[in-house]
Amino acid sequence: MALTTSQKDKIISKLKEVSSGGCPICQSRQWTIGEEIVTSTTVSLGGTTAIGGGPIIPMAQIICNNCGFVAHHAIGALGINLKDQ
């Protein structure tokens, strides 16, 4: 699912509100928000991959423009509702 401009603006606003530093790798403060929502695949303690059966946490990708470091942020914690356009 693609993020809308409004959703990206909310992500930027929230991250500016709570962030006190730059990229943990290179200290740059120049970021790009990925276009799509992503999720992780869950893995059991025994190493079994659960595709389509585990909990899903929708995340935004925040990408450092300098070194390419990618941070994932749970969009629910950022106040983003996927139903809002």
Protein backbone atom coordinates (compact mmCIF):
# COMPACT_ATOMS: atom_id res chain seq x y z
CA MET A 1 0.00 0.00 0.00
CA ALA A 2 1.39 3.38 -0.98
CA LEU A 3 1.55 6.14 1.63
CA THR A 4 -0.31 9.34 0.80
CA THR A 5 1.34 12.75 1.02
CA SER A 6 -0.77 13.49 4.10
CA GLN A 7 0.38 10.28 5.81
CA LYS A 8 4.03 11.06 4.99
CA ASP A 9 3.61 14.56 6.41
CA LYS A 10 2.23 13.07 9.65
CA ILE A 11 5.19 10.67 9.86
CA ILE A 12 7.67 13.51 9.36
CA SER A 13 5.93 15.65 11.96
CA LYS A 14 5.85 12.88 14.57
CA LEU A 15 9.47 11.85 14.00
CA LYS A 16 10.65 15.47 14.31
CA GLU A 17 8.70 15.68 17.58
CA VAL A 18 10.36 12.63 19.15
CA SER A 19 13.80 12.52 17.50
CA SER A 20 16.87 14.13 19.03
CA GLY A 21 19.54 12.99 16.58
CA GLY A 22 20.42 12.02 13.06
CA CYS A 23 21.23 8.72 11.40
CA PRO A 24 22.81 6.26 13.86
CA ILE A 25 25.43 5.32 11.24
CA CYS A 26 26.55 8.60 9.64
CA GLN A 27 24.74 11.31 11.71
CA SER A 28 23.09 12.80 8.59
CA ARG A 29 19.70 14.43 9.11
CA GLN A 30 18.52 13.99 5.52
CA TRP A 31 15.90 11.25 5.17
CA THR A 32 13.45 9.91 2.60
CA ILE A 33 10.23 8.13 3.48
CA GLY A 34 9.68 4.95 1.47
CA GLU A 35 6.63 4.93 -0.76
CA GLU A 36 5.14 1.67 0.51
CA ILE A 37 4.12 0.20 3.87
CA VAL A 38 6.20 -2.86 4.76
CA THR A 39 5.87 -5.70 7.28
CA SER A 40 8.20 -8.33 8.71
CA THR A 41 7.87 -12.09 8.49
CA THR A 42 7.53 -13.71 11.88
CA VAL A 43 9.76 -16.59 12.91
CA SER A 44 9.11 -19.00 15.77
CA LEU A 45 11.71 -19.66 18.47
CA GLY A 46 12.31 -22.99 16.74
CA GLY A 47 13.20 -21.21 13.51
CA THR A 48 10.01 -21.95 11.57
CA THR A 49 8.89 -19.12 9.32
CA ALA A 50 5.20 -18.24 9.59
CA ILE A 51 3.96 -16.74 6.33
CA GLY A 52 0.50 -15.28 6.64
CA GLY A 53 -0.07 -16.73 10.09
CA GLY A 54 1.63 -14.36 12.49
CA PRO A 55 0.92 -10.86 13.69
CA ILE A 56 1.48 -8.08 11.19
CA ILE A 57 2.92 -4.70 12.13
CA PRO A 58 2.62 -2.15 9.31
CA MET A 59 5.82 -0.07 9.15
CA ALA A 60 7.12 2.96 7.32
CA GLN A 61 10.65 2.84 5.92
CA ILE A 62 12.79 5.85 6.75
CA ILE A 63 15.92 5.86 4.55
CA CYS A 64 19.08 7.91 5.17
CA ASN A 65 19.91 9.88 2.01
CA ASN A 66 23.63 9.73 2.80
CA CYS A 67 24.49 6.14 3.76
CA GLY A 68 21.30 4.20 2.95
CA PHE A 69 20.56 3.08 6.53
CA VAL A 70 16.91 2.01 6.76
CA ALA A 71 14.83 2.41 9.93
CA HIS A 72 11.39 0.85 10.28
CA HIS A 73 8.75 2.63 12.36
CA ALA A 74 5.41 1.13 13.36
CA ILE A 75 2.89 3.45 11.76
CA GLY A 76 0.30 2.87 14.47
CA ALA A 77 2.72 4.22 17.07
CA LEU A 78 3.19 7.29 14.85
CA GLY A 79 -0.57 7.92 14.81
CA ILE A 80 -1.08 6.90 11.18
CA ASN A 81 -4.36 5.19 10.32
CA LEU A 82 -4.18 3.33 7.01
CA LYS A 83 -7.86 4.09 6.41
CA ASP A 84 -7.18 7.83 6.46
CA GLN A 85 -6.17 9.26 3.12
